[in-house]
Amino acid sequence: MIDPETGAAQWNVLVVSGVETPGVVTLSGHDLKIGWDIQNPTGSAGGTTTRTKEPVKEFDAEFYLTNEPNANGHSDFDHWDKFQKRLEAAVAPGKKPRALEIFHPDLARVHITSATVGSISGMTLDKKGGGTIRVHFIEFRPPKRIKAVPMGKKTEGDAVLDADLAKKKKLDDEYDALTTGDGLIGSLKKSWMKV
């Protein structure tokens, strides 16, 4: 893990397609969500949880920009226009949307490596020479097929069912042996009929 104090520069920017973003970025909503199907049956005090695939993650990146010039004489605002064009080009109308490779220490921790743009807010000015823009990102994670269980292959549930059916057949056979022929009940029936 990168220490936020010693590696502050890496925490202050989002790297998008190999380019550092202007201003100082703050991320939110980038949780590592675990997929669960939760069933709470009516009339029950409990429920069941079944592990499912992870949902696609969404998060916000808030960029604080200032009008202070850097060593080249350009401000964050000058760099933002070019950066926003890069974001918009990935989701241009009439074209197939593209995923953008992204990096930030917090995103790496929750396994987000590429995303697409969901929305770009207007700028909120702080009246001190700075402003904030929020970009909503949606994780790009193409679907993967889940392998089907081949026909004839037993699953754990099938094995339990087979074991229960085998027990039932054994009990039925034991009952039949007792009630027919020379079994205990069959013998009693024969002796009773002789009386």
N, C-alpha and C. Protein backbone atom coordinates (compact mmCIF):
# COMPACT_ATOMS: atom_id res chain seq x y z
N MET A 1 0.84 -1.19 0.00
CA MET A 1 0.00 0.00 0.00
C MET A 1 0.88 1.24 0.00
N ILE A 2 0.48 2.22 -0.79
CA ILE A 2 1.23 3.48 -0.85
C ILE A 2 0.80 4.37 0.32
N ASP A 3 1.77 4.86 1.07
CA ASP A 3 1.50 5.74 2.20
C ASP A 3 1.05 7.10 1.67
N PRO A 4 -0.17 7.57 2.06
CA PRO A 4 -0.66 8.86 1.56
C PRO A 4 0.24 10.05 1.87
N GLU A 5 1.02 9.95 2.96
CA GLU A 5 1.87 11.08 3.32
C GLU A 5 3.14 11.12 2.47
N THR A 6 3.80 9.96 2.32
CA THR A 6 5.05 9.96 1.56
C THR A 6 4.82 9.90 0.06
N GLY A 7 3.65 9.37 -0.36
CA GLY A 7 3.36 9.30 -1.80
C GLY A 7 2.18 10.17 -2.17
N ALA A 8 2.10 11.35 -1.58
CA ALA A 8 0.93 12.22 -1.75
C ALA A 8 0.63 12.53 -3.21
N ALA A 9 1.67 12.70 -4.02
CA ALA A 9 1.45 13.05 -5.43
C ALA A 9 0.61 11.99 -6.14
N GLN A 10 0.79 10.73 -5.77
CA GLN A 10 0.02 9.66 -6.40
C GLN A 10 -1.44 9.65 -5.95
N TRP A 11 -1.70 10.17 -4.76
CA TRP A 11 -3.07 10.21 -4.24
C TRP A 11 -3.82 11.43 -4.77
N ASN A 12 -3.10 12.46 -5.20
CA ASN A 12 -3.74 13.71 -5.63
C ASN A 12 -4.22 13.71 -7.06
N VAL A 13 -3.78 12.71 -7.84
CA VAL A 13 -4.17 12.69 -9.26
C VAL A 13 -4.75 11.34 -9.63
N LEU A 14 -5.51 11.35 -10.69
CA LEU A 14 -6.02 10.14 -11.31
C LEU A 14 -5.28 10.03 -12.63
N VAL A 15 -4.69 8.89 -12.92
CA VAL A 15 -4.00 8.71 -14.20
C VAL A 15 -4.99 8.06 -15.16
N VAL A 16 -5.32 8.77 -16.22
CA VAL A 16 -6.30 8.29 -17.20
C VAL A 16 -5.60 8.13 -18.54
N SER A 17 -5.57 6.91 -19.04
CA SER A 17 -4.89 6.58 -20.30
C SER A 17 -3.47 7.12 -20.32
N GLY A 18 -2.78 6.98 -19.18
CA GLY A 18 -1.38 7.38 -19.09
C GLY A 18 -1.15 8.85 -18.82
N VAL A 19 -2.21 9.65 -18.69
CA VAL A 19 -2.09 11.11 -18.47
C VAL A 19 -2.61 11.46 -17.09
N GLU A 20 -1.82 12.25 -16.32
CA GLU A 20 -2.28 12.69 -15.00
C GLU A 20 -3.33 13.78 -15.14
N THR A 21 -4.35 13.69 -14.30
CA THR A 21 -5.43 14.68 -14.35
C THR A 21 -4.97 15.99 -13.73
N PRO A 22 -5.55 17.11 -14.19
CA PRO A 22 -5.22 18.40 -13.58
C PRO A 22 -5.89 18.56 -12.22
N GLY A 23 -5.36 19.48 -11.42
CA GLY A 23 -5.94 19.76 -10.11
C GLY A 23 -5.66 18.66 -9.10
N VAL A 24 -6.46 18.66 -8.05
CA VAL A 24 -6.35 17.67 -6.99
C VAL A 24 -7.64 16.86 -6.99
N VAL A 25 -7.51 15.53 -7.05
CA VAL A 25 -8.70 14.67 -7.14
C VAL A 25 -9.04 14.08 -5.78
N THR A 26 -10.35 13.95 -5.53
CA THR A 26 -10.87 13.26 -4.36
C THR A 26 -11.88 12.24 -4.87
N LEU A 27 -11.70 10.98 -4.50
CA LEU A 27 -12.60 9.91 -4.94
C LEU A 27 -13.65 9.63 -3.88
N SER A 28 -14.83 9.19 -4.35
CA SER A 28 -15.87 8.74 -3.42
C SER A 28 -16.70 7.65 -4.10
N GLY A 29 -17.28 6.79 -3.27
CA GLY A 29 -18.15 5.73 -3.78
C GLY A 29 -17.42 4.53 -4.36
N HIS A 30 -16.10 4.49 -4.23
CA HIS A 30 -15.32 3.40 -4.83
C HIS A 30 -15.19 2.23 -3.86
N ASP A 31 -16.33 1.69 -3.48
CA ASP A 31 -16.35 0.59 -2.53
C ASP A 31 -16.12 -0.74 -3.24
N LEU A 32 -15.55 -1.68 -2.53
CA LEU A 32 -15.42 -3.04 -3.03
C LEU A 32 -16.71 -3.75 -2.64
N LYS A 33 -17.64 -3.83 -3.59
CA LYS A 33 -18.95 -4.40 -3.31
C LYS A 33 -18.92 -5.91 -3.56
N ILE A 34 -19.51 -6.65 -2.66
CA ILE A 34 -19.59 -8.10 -2.77
C ILE A 34 -21.00 -8.45 -3.21
N GLY A 35 -21.11 -9.32 -4.19
CA GLY A 35 -22.43 -9.70 -4.71
C GLY A 35 -23.13 -10.73 -3.84
N TRP A 36 -24.33 -10.39 -3.37
CA TRP A 36 -25.13 -11.31 -2.57
C TRP A 36 -26.57 -11.29 -3.06
N ASP A 37 -27.19 -12.45 -3.11
CA ASP A 37 -28.63 -12.57 -3.34
C ASP A 37 -29.22 -12.90 -1.98
N ILE A 38 -29.96 -11.96 -1.39
CA ILE A 38 -30.50 -12.13 -0.04
C ILE A 38 -31.99 -12.42 -0.13
N GLN A 39 -32.40 -13.54 0.44
CA GLN A 39 -33.80 -13.94 0.45
C GLN A 39 -34.31 -13.93 1.89
N ASN A 40 -35.39 -13.17 2.14
CA ASN A 40 -36.01 -13.12 3.45
C ASN A 40 -37.44 -13.66 3.32
N PRO A 41 -37.64 -14.97 3.50
CA PRO A 41 -38.98 -15.55 3.31
C PRO A 41 -39.99 -14.94 4.27
N THR A 42 -41.21 -14.76 3.77
CA THR A 42 -42.29 -14.23 4.59
C THR A 42 -42.59 -15.19 5.73
N GLY A 43 -42.78 -14.65 6.91
CA GLY A 43 -43.11 -15.47 8.07
C GLY A 43 -41.91 -16.14 8.71
N SER A 44 -40.71 -15.78 8.29
CA SER A 44 -39.50 -16.37 8.86
C SER A 44 -38.72 -15.31 9.63
N ALA A 45 -37.97 -15.78 10.62
CA ALA A 45 -37.15 -14.86 11.41
C ALA A 45 -35.76 -14.71 10.83
N GLY A 46 -35.45 -15.47 9.82
CA GLY A 46 -34.11 -15.40 9.22
C GLY A 46 -34.19 -15.33 7.71
N GLY A 47 -33.12 -15.65 7.07
CA GLY A 47 -33.09 -15.62 5.62
C GLY A 47 -31.89 -16.38 5.11
N THR A 48 -31.74 -16.37 3.80
CA THR A 48 -30.60 -17.04 3.19
C THR A 48 -29.81 -16.06 2.35
N THR A 49 -28.53 -16.28 2.27
CA THR A 49 -27.67 -15.47 1.41
C THR A 49 -26.93 -16.39 0.47
N THR A 50 -26.92 -16.01 -0.79
CA THR A 50 -26.21 -16.78 -1.80
C THR A 50 -25.21 -15.86 -2.46
N ARG A 51 -23.96 -16.28 -2.53
CA ARG A 51 -22.88 -15.49 -3.14
C ARG A 51 -23.10 -15.45 -4.65
N THR A 52 -23.08 -14.25 -5.21
CA THR A 52 -23.22 -14.07 -6.64
C THR A 52 -22.01 -13.31 -7.17
N LYS A 53 -22.02 -13.01 -8.44
CA LYS A 53 -20.94 -12.24 -9.05
C LYS A 53 -20.96 -10.81 -8.51
N GLU A 54 -19.76 -10.17 -8.50
CA GLU A 54 -19.67 -8.80 -8.04
C GLU A 54 -20.38 -7.86 -9.02
N PRO A 55 -21.12 -6.88 -8.50
CA PRO A 55 -21.74 -5.90 -9.39
C PRO A 55 -20.68 -4.97 -9.97
N VAL A 56 -21.00 -4.35 -11.10
CA VAL A 56 -20.10 -3.35 -11.70
C VAL A 56 -20.05 -2.16 -10.74
N LYS A 57 -18.84 -1.66 -10.47
CA LYS A 57 -18.67 -0.57 -9.51
C LYS A 57 -18.84 0.78 -10.20
N GLU A 58 -19.30 1.75 -9.46
CA GLU A 58 -19.41 3.13 -9.93
C GLU A 58 -18.76 4.02 -8.87
N PHE A 59 -18.15 5.10 -9.31
CA PHE A 59 -17.53 6.01 -8.35
C PHE A 59 -17.46 7.41 -8.93
N ASP A 60 -17.24 8.38 -8.05
CA ASP A 60 -17.10 9.79 -8.45
C ASP A 60 -15.68 10.25 -8.21
N ALA A 61 -15.19 11.06 -9.12
CA ALA A 61 -13.90 11.72 -8.97
C ALA A 61 -14.17 13.23 -8.99
N GLU A 62 -13.86 13.89 -7.89
CA GLU A 62 -14.07 15.34 -7.79
C GLU A 62 -12.73 16.03 -7.96
N PHE A 63 -12.64 16.90 -8.94
CA PHE A 63 -11.39 17.58 -9.26
C PHE A 63 -11.46 19.03 -8.79
N TYR A 64 -10.53 19.40 -7.91
CA TYR A 64 -10.44 20.80 -7.47
C TYR A 64 -9.37 21.47 -8.32
N LEU A 65 -9.77 22.51 -9.05
CA LEU A 65 -8.88 23.23 -9.97
C LEU A 65 -8.62 24.63 -9.44
N THR A 66 -7.40 25.13 -9.64
CA THR A 66 -7.07 26.50 -9.25
C THR A 66 -6.57 27.28 -10.46
N ASN A 67 -6.58 28.60 -10.32
CA ASN A 67 -6.08 29.45 -11.41
C ASN A 67 -4.61 29.81 -11.23
N GLU A 68 -3.94 29.17 -10.27
CA GLU A 68 -2.53 29.45 -10.05
C GLU A 68 -1.70 28.81 -11.17
N PRO A 69 -0.83 29.59 -11.79
CA PRO A 69 -0.03 29.03 -12.90
C PRO A 69 1.06 28.08 -12.40
N ASN A 70 1.34 27.04 -13.21
CA ASN A 70 2.42 26.12 -12.88
C ASN A 70 3.73 26.65 -13.46
N ALA A 71 4.78 25.83 -13.49
CA ALA A 71 6.10 26.27 -13.99
C ALA A 71 6.05 26.70 -15.45
N ASN A 72 5.10 26.16 -16.21
CA ASN A 72 4.96 26.53 -17.63
C ASN A 72 4.03 27.71 -17.85
N GLY A 73 3.47 28.23 -16.76
CA GLY A 73 2.57 29.37 -16.88
C GLY A 73 1.13 28.99 -17.17
N HIS A 74 0.78 27.71 -17.06
CA HIS A 74 -0.58 27.26 -17.30
C HIS A 74 -1.27 26.90 -15.98
N SER A 75 -2.57 27.18 -15.90
CA SER A 75 -3.33 26.83 -14.69
C SER A 75 -4.05 25.50 -14.88
N ASP A 76 -4.64 24.99 -13.80
CA ASP A 76 -5.44 23.76 -13.89
C ASP A 76 -6.57 23.93 -14.90
N PHE A 77 -7.13 25.15 -14.97
CA PHE A 77 -8.24 25.39 -15.90
C PHE A 77 -7.79 25.20 -17.35
N ASP A 78 -6.56 25.65 -17.66
CA ASP A 78 -6.03 25.48 -19.02
C ASP A 78 -5.92 23.99 -19.36
N HIS A 79 -5.48 23.18 -18.42
CA HIS A 79 -5.30 21.75 -18.66
C HIS A 79 -6.64 21.00 -18.67
N TRP A 80 -7.62 21.55 -17.95
CA TRP A 80 -8.89 20.84 -17.84
C TRP A 80 -9.60 20.72 -19.20
N ASP A 81 -9.61 21.75 -19.99
CA ASP A 81 -10.31 21.71 -21.27
C ASP A 81 -9.82 20.54 -22.13
N LYS A 82 -8.51 20.37 -22.20
CA LYS A 82 -7.93 19.29 -22.99
C LYS A 82 -8.29 17.93 -22.39
N PHE A 83 -8.26 17.86 -21.06
CA PHE A 83 -8.59 16.60 -20.39
C PHE A 83 -10.07 16.24 -20.58
N GLN A 84 -10.95 17.24 -20.49
CA GLN A 84 -12.38 16.95 -20.67
C GLN A 84 -12.66 16.46 -22.10
N LYS A 85 -11.94 17.01 -23.08
CA LYS A 85 -12.11 16.54 -24.46
C LYS A 85 -11.71 15.06 -24.56
N ARG A 86 -10.68 14.67 -23.83
CA ARG A 86 -10.25 13.26 -23.81
C ARG A 86 -11.37 12.39 -23.24
N LEU A 87 -12.00 12.85 -22.15
CA LEU A 87 -13.09 12.09 -21.55
C LEU A 87 -14.29 11.98 -22.49
N GLU A 88 -14.65 13.11 -23.10
CA GLU A 88 -15.80 13.13 -24.00
C GLU A 88 -15.58 12.29 -25.24
N ALA A 89 -14.34 12.22 -25.72
CA ALA A 89 -14.03 11.43 -26.92
C ALA A 89 -14.29 9.94 -26.67
N ALA A 90 -14.16 9.51 -25.41
CA ALA A 90 -14.39 8.09 -25.09
C ALA A 90 -15.85 7.71 -25.17
N VAL A 91 -16.75 8.71 -25.07
CA VAL A 91 -18.19 8.44 -25.11
C VAL A 91 -18.88 9.33 -26.14
N ALA A 92 -18.19 9.61 -27.24
CA ALA A 92 -18.73 10.51 -28.28
C ALA A 92 -20.01 9.93 -28.88
N PRO A 93 -21.03 10.78 -29.11
CA PRO A 93 -22.28 10.30 -29.70
C PRO A 93 -22.03 9.69 -31.08
N GLY A 94 -22.74 8.61 -31.38
CA GLY A 94 -22.62 7.97 -32.68
C GLY A 94 -21.42 7.06 -32.83
N LYS A 95 -20.58 6.99 -31.80
CA LYS A 95 -19.41 6.11 -31.84
C LYS A 95 -19.49 5.10 -30.71
N LYS A 96 -18.81 3.99 -30.90
CA LYS A 96 -18.79 2.97 -29.86
C LYS A 96 -18.01 3.50 -28.66
N PRO A 97 -18.61 3.46 -27.45
CA PRO A 97 -17.89 3.96 -26.26
C PRO A 97 -16.61 3.17 -26.01
N ARG A 98 -15.60 3.86 -25.50
CA ARG A 98 -14.32 3.23 -25.18
C ARG A 98 -14.10 3.25 -23.68
N ALA A 99 -13.45 2.21 -23.21
CA ALA A 99 -13.04 2.19 -21.81
C ALA A 99 -11.71 2.91 -21.69
N LEU A 100 -11.52 3.60 -20.58
CA LEU A 100 -10.27 4.32 -20.31
C LEU A 100 -9.50 3.57 -19.23
N GLU A 101 -8.22 3.34 -19.46
CA GLU A 101 -7.38 2.74 -18.43
C GLU A 101 -7.15 3.80 -17.35
N ILE A 102 -7.36 3.43 -16.10
CA ILE A 102 -7.22 4.40 -15.01
C ILE A 102 -6.37 3.81 -13.88
N PHE A 103 -5.71 4.73 -13.15
CA PHE A 103 -4.96 4.30 -11.98
C PHE A 103 -5.05 5.35 -10.88
N HIS A 104 -5.28 4.85 -9.69
CA HIS A 104 -5.19 5.61 -8.45
C HIS A 104 -4.98 4.56 -7.36
N PRO A 105 -4.18 4.82 -6.35
CA PRO A 105 -3.94 3.81 -5.32
C PRO A 105 -5.23 3.22 -4.72
N ASP A 106 -6.24 4.07 -4.48
CA ASP A 106 -7.49 3.58 -3.91
C ASP A 106 -8.26 2.72 -4.89
N LEU A 107 -8.21 3.06 -6.17
CA LEU A 107 -8.91 2.26 -7.18
C LEU A 107 -8.22 0.91 -7.36
N ALA A 108 -6.90 0.91 -7.31
CA ALA A 108 -6.16 -0.34 -7.44
C ALA A 108 -6.52 -1.29 -6.30
N ARG A 109 -6.74 -0.77 -5.12
CA ARG A 109 -7.06 -1.58 -3.95
C ARG A 109 -8.40 -2.29 -4.12
N VAL A 110 -9.34 -1.66 -4.85
CA VAL A 110 -10.66 -2.29 -5.05
C VAL A 110 -10.79 -2.88 -6.45
N HIS A 111 -9.64 -3.09 -7.11
CA HIS A 111 -9.56 -3.82 -8.38
C HIS A 111 -10.23 -3.11 -9.57
N ILE A 112 -10.23 -1.79 -9.57
CA ILE A 112 -10.75 -1.05 -10.71
C ILE A 112 -9.55 -0.59 -11.54
N THR A 113 -9.49 -1.04 -12.78
CA THR A 113 -8.36 -0.68 -13.65
C THR A 113 -8.80 0.03 -14.92
N SER A 114 -10.07 -0.05 -15.26
CA SER A 114 -10.57 0.69 -16.41
C SER A 114 -12.02 1.07 -16.17
N ALA A 115 -12.41 2.17 -16.80
CA ALA A 115 -13.77 2.69 -16.58
C ALA A 115 -14.20 3.50 -17.79
N THR A 116 -15.47 3.80 -17.81
CA THR A 116 -15.99 4.69 -18.83
C THR A 116 -16.69 5.85 -18.13
N VAL A 117 -17.00 6.88 -18.86
CA VAL A 117 -17.56 8.10 -18.27
C VAL A 117 -19.07 7.99 -18.20
N GLY A 118 -19.63 8.23 -17.00
CA GLY A 118 -21.07 8.25 -16.83
C GLY A 118 -21.63 9.65 -16.96
N SER A 119 -20.93 10.63 -16.40
CA SER A 119 -21.36 12.03 -16.50
C SER A 119 -20.21 12.96 -16.09
N ILE A 120 -20.30 14.20 -16.56
CA ILE A 120 -19.34 15.25 -16.19
C ILE A 120 -20.17 16.43 -15.73
N SER A 121 -19.95 16.86 -14.49
CA SER A 121 -20.75 17.96 -13.96
C SER A 121 -20.27 19.30 -14.50
N GLY A 122 -21.10 20.29 -14.29
CA GLY A 122 -20.67 21.65 -14.55
C GLY A 122 -19.71 22.07 -13.44
N MET A 123 -19.02 23.19 -13.62
CA MET A 123 -18.05 23.63 -12.62
C MET A 123 -18.74 24.42 -11.51
N THR A 124 -18.36 24.12 -10.28
CA THR A 124 -18.83 24.87 -9.12
C THR A 124 -17.66 25.73 -8.65
N LEU A 125 -17.81 27.05 -8.77
CA LEU A 125 -16.73 27.98 -8.40
C LEU A 125 -16.75 28.26 -6.91
N ASP A 126 -15.55 28.40 -6.33
CA ASP A 126 -15.47 28.68 -4.89
C ASP A 126 -15.29 30.17 -4.60
N LYS A 127 -15.26 31.01 -5.63
CA LYS A 127 -15.11 32.47 -5.53
C LYS A 127 -13.78 32.86 -4.88
N LYS A 128 -12.79 31.95 -4.95
CA LYS A 128 -11.45 32.25 -4.46
C LYS A 128 -10.43 31.94 -5.55
N GLY A 129 -10.91 31.82 -6.77
CA GLY A 129 -10.03 31.51 -7.89
C GLY A 129 -9.96 30.04 -8.21
N GLY A 130 -10.82 29.24 -7.56
CA GLY A 130 -10.82 27.80 -7.81
C GLY A 130 -12.21 27.30 -8.15
N GLY A 131 -12.28 26.07 -8.56
CA GLY A 131 -13.56 25.47 -8.89
C GLY A 131 -13.48 23.96 -8.83
N THR A 132 -14.64 23.33 -8.77
CA THR A 132 -14.73 21.88 -8.64
C THR A 132 -15.57 21.30 -9.76
N ILE A 133 -15.09 20.21 -10.34
CA ILE A 133 -15.84 19.46 -11.35
C ILE A 133 -15.88 18.01 -10.90
N ARG A 134 -17.05 17.40 -11.00
CA ARG A 134 -17.22 16.00 -10.59
C ARG A 134 -17.47 15.15 -11.83
N VAL A 135 -16.72 14.07 -11.94
CA VAL A 135 -16.90 13.11 -13.04
C VAL A 135 -17.35 11.79 -12.44
N HIS A 136 -18.46 11.28 -12.98
CA HIS A 136 -18.97 9.99 -12.52
C HIS A 136 -18.44 8.91 -13.47
N PHE A 137 -17.74 7.92 -12.91
CA PHE A 137 -17.16 6.84 -13.71
C PHE A 137 -17.90 5.54 -13.44
N ILE A 138 -17.98 4.71 -14.47
CA ILE A 138 -18.56 3.37 -14.36
C ILE A 138 -17.47 2.38 -14.73
N GLU A 139 -17.21 1.44 -13.84
CA GLU A 139 -16.17 0.44 -14.10
C GLU A 139 -16.46 -0.30 -15.41
N PHE A 140 -15.41 -0.53 -16.17
CA PHE A 140 -15.54 -1.34 -17.39
C PHE A 140 -15.05 -2.75 -17.06
N ARG A 141 -15.98 -3.69 -17.11
CA ARG A 141 -15.64 -5.09 -16.85
C ARG A 141 -16.52 -5.94 -17.74
N PRO A 142 -15.99 -6.37 -18.90
CA PRO A 142 -16.83 -7.13 -19.82
C PRO A 142 -17.36 -8.41 -19.19
N PRO A 143 -18.57 -8.84 -19.61
CA PRO A 143 -19.12 -10.06 -19.02
C PRO A 143 -18.32 -11.28 -19.42
N LYS A 144 -18.25 -12.24 -18.51
CA LYS A 144 -17.61 -13.52 -18.79
C LYS A 144 -18.66 -14.60 -18.63
N ARG A 145 -18.64 -15.53 -19.55
CA ARG A 145 -19.59 -16.64 -19.47
C ARG A 145 -19.30 -17.50 -18.25
N ILE A 146 -20.38 -17.94 -17.61
CA ILE A 146 -20.25 -18.88 -16.51
C ILE A 146 -20.32 -20.27 -17.14
N LYS A 147 -19.35 -21.11 -16.82
CA LYS A 147 -19.33 -22.45 -17.39
C LYS A 147 -20.51 -23.26 -16.87
N ALA A 148 -21.21 -23.89 -17.81
CA ALA A 148 -22.32 -24.75 -17.44
C ALA A 148 -21.80 -26.07 -16.92
N VAL A 149 -22.57 -26.71 -16.04
CA VAL A 149 -22.20 -28.03 -15.55
C VAL A 149 -22.51 -29.03 -16.65
N PRO A 150 -21.54 -29.82 -17.12
CA PRO A 150 -21.79 -30.77 -18.20
C PRO A 150 -22.86 -31.79 -17.82
N MET A 151 -23.65 -32.22 -18.81
CA MET A 151 -24.68 -33.23 -18.58
C MET A 151 -24.01 -34.50 -18.06
N GLY A 152 -24.62 -35.11 -17.08
CA GLY A 152 -24.08 -36.35 -16.54
C GLY A 152 -23.15 -36.11 -15.36
N LYS A 153 -22.62 -34.92 -15.23
CA LYS A 153 -21.73 -34.65 -14.10
C LYS A 153 -22.60 -34.34 -12.88
N LYS A 154 -22.28 -34.99 -11.78
CA LYS A 154 -23.06 -34.82 -10.57
C LYS A 154 -22.61 -33.57 -9.83
N THR A 155 -23.57 -32.83 -9.33
CA THR A 155 -23.26 -31.69 -8.48
C THR A 155 -23.41 -32.13 -7.03
N GLU A 156 -23.04 -31.29 -6.10
CA GLU A 156 -23.14 -31.63 -4.68
C GLU A 156 -24.59 -31.92 -4.30
N GLY A 157 -25.53 -31.13 -4.84
CA GLY A 157 -26.95 -31.34 -4.55
C GLY A 157 -27.43 -32.68 -5.07
N ASP A 158 -26.95 -33.09 -6.26
CA ASP A 158 -27.32 -34.39 -6.82
C ASP A 158 -26.82 -35.51 -5.93
N ALA A 159 -25.62 -35.40 -5.40
CA ALA A 159 -25.06 -36.44 -4.55
C ALA A 159 -25.88 -36.61 -3.28
N VAL A 160 -26.33 -35.51 -2.68
CA VAL A 160 -27.15 -35.57 -1.47
C VAL A 160 -28.49 -36.24 -1.79
N LEU A 161 -29.10 -35.86 -2.91
CA LEU A 161 -30.37 -36.44 -3.32
C LEU A 161 -30.21 -37.94 -3.57
N ASP A 162 -29.15 -38.35 -4.27
CA ASP A 162 -28.90 -39.77 -4.54
C ASP A 162 -28.74 -40.56 -3.24
N ALA A 163 -28.03 -39.99 -2.28
CA ALA A 163 -27.83 -40.67 -0.99
C ALA A 163 -29.16 -40.84 -0.27
N ASP A 164 -30.01 -39.80 -0.28
CA ASP A 164 -31.32 -39.90 0.36
C ASP A 164 -32.21 -40.94 -0.31
N LEU A 165 -32.17 -40.99 -1.65
CA LEU A 165 -32.97 -41.99 -2.38
C LEU A 165 -32.48 -43.40 -2.08
N ALA A 166 -31.16 -43.58 -1.97
CA ALA A 166 -30.60 -44.90 -1.64
C ALA A 166 -31.05 -45.34 -0.24
N LYS A 167 -31.07 -44.40 0.73
CA LYS A 167 -31.54 -44.73 2.08
C LYS A 167 -33.01 -45.14 2.07
N LYS A 168 -33.80 -44.38 1.30
CA LYS A 168 -35.24 -44.69 1.21
C LYS A 168 -35.45 -46.07 0.61
N LYS A 169 -34.72 -46.42 -0.45
CA LYS A 169 -34.85 -47.74 -1.09
C LYS A 169 -34.47 -48.85 -0.11
N LYS A 170 -33.41 -48.64 0.65
CA LYS A 170 -32.98 -49.64 1.63
C LYS A 170 -34.06 -49.86 2.68
N LEU A 171 -34.67 -48.77 3.18
CA LEU A 171 -35.75 -48.89 4.17
C LEU A 171 -36.96 -49.59 3.57
N ASP A 172 -37.31 -49.26 2.32
CA ASP A 172 -38.43 -49.92 1.65
C ASP A 172 -38.18 -51.41 1.51
N ASP A 173 -36.94 -51.79 1.13
CA ASP A 173 -36.59 -53.21 0.99
C ASP A 173 -36.67 -53.92 2.33
N GLU A 174 -36.21 -53.29 3.41
CA GLU A 174 -36.28 -53.90 4.73
C GLU A 174 -37.73 -54.10 5.16
N TYR A 175 -38.59 -53.12 4.86
CA TYR A 175 -40.01 -53.22 5.20
C TYR A 175 -40.65 -54.37 4.43
N ASP A 176 -40.34 -54.46 3.12
CA ASP A 176 -40.90 -55.53 2.30
C ASP A 176 -40.45 -56.89 2.83
N ALA A 177 -39.18 -57.00 3.25
CA ALA A 177 -38.67 -58.26 3.77
C ALA A 177 -39.38 -58.66 5.05
N LEU A 178 -39.75 -57.70 5.88
CA LEU A 178 -40.45 -57.99 7.13
C LEU A 178 -41.90 -58.40 6.89
N THR A 179 -42.53 -57.81 5.90
CA THR A 179 -43.97 -58.02 5.72
C THR A 179 -44.33 -59.13 4.75
N THR A 180 -43.39 -59.67 4.02
CA THR A 180 -43.71 -60.73 3.06
C THR A 180 -42.89 -61.98 3.34
N GLY A 181 -43.37 -63.12 2.84
CA GLY A 181 -42.61 -64.37 2.92
C GLY A 181 -42.28 -64.78 4.33
N ASP A 182 -41.00 -65.07 4.57
CA ASP A 182 -40.54 -65.59 5.87
C ASP A 182 -40.09 -64.48 6.82
N GLY A 183 -40.40 -63.23 6.49
CA GLY A 183 -40.04 -62.14 7.39
C GLY A 183 -40.83 -62.23 8.69
N LEU A 184 -40.49 -61.44 9.68
CA LEU A 184 -41.11 -61.50 11.00
C LEU A 184 -42.63 -61.33 10.90
N ILE A 185 -43.08 -60.29 10.22
CA ILE A 185 -44.52 -60.05 10.13
C ILE A 185 -45.18 -61.12 9.26
N GLY A 186 -44.48 -61.52 8.17
CA GLY A 186 -45.01 -62.58 7.32
C GLY A 186 -45.16 -63.88 8.09
N SER A 187 -44.20 -64.24 8.93
CA SER A 187 -44.27 -65.46 9.74
C SER A 187 -45.42 -65.39 10.72
N LEU A 188 -45.59 -64.21 11.33
CA LEU A 188 -46.70 -64.03 12.27
C LEU A 188 -48.04 -64.20 11.57
N LYS A 189 -48.14 -63.67 10.36
CA LYS A 189 -49.39 -63.81 9.60
C LYS A 189 -49.68 -65.28 9.33
N LYS A 190 -48.63 -66.02 8.94
CA LYS A 190 -48.83 -67.44 8.62
C LYS A 190 -49.26 -68.22 9.88
N SER A 191 -48.59 -67.94 11.01
CA SER A 191 -48.94 -68.65 12.23
C SER A 191 -50.33 -68.26 12.71
N TRP A 192 -50.75 -67.05 12.52
CA TRP A 192 -52.06 -66.59 12.95
C TRP A 192 -53.13 -67.26 12.12
N MET A 193 -52.85 -67.44 10.80
CA MET A 193 -53.84 -68.03 9.91
C MET A 193 -54.02 -69.53 10.24
N LYS A 194 -53.01 -70.16 10.81
CA LYS A 194 -53.13 -71.57 11.17
C LYS A 194 -54.03 -71.76 12.38
N VAL A 195 -54.14 -70.76 13.21
CA VAL A 195 -54.92 -70.88 14.45
C VAL A 195 -56.38 -70.90 14.17
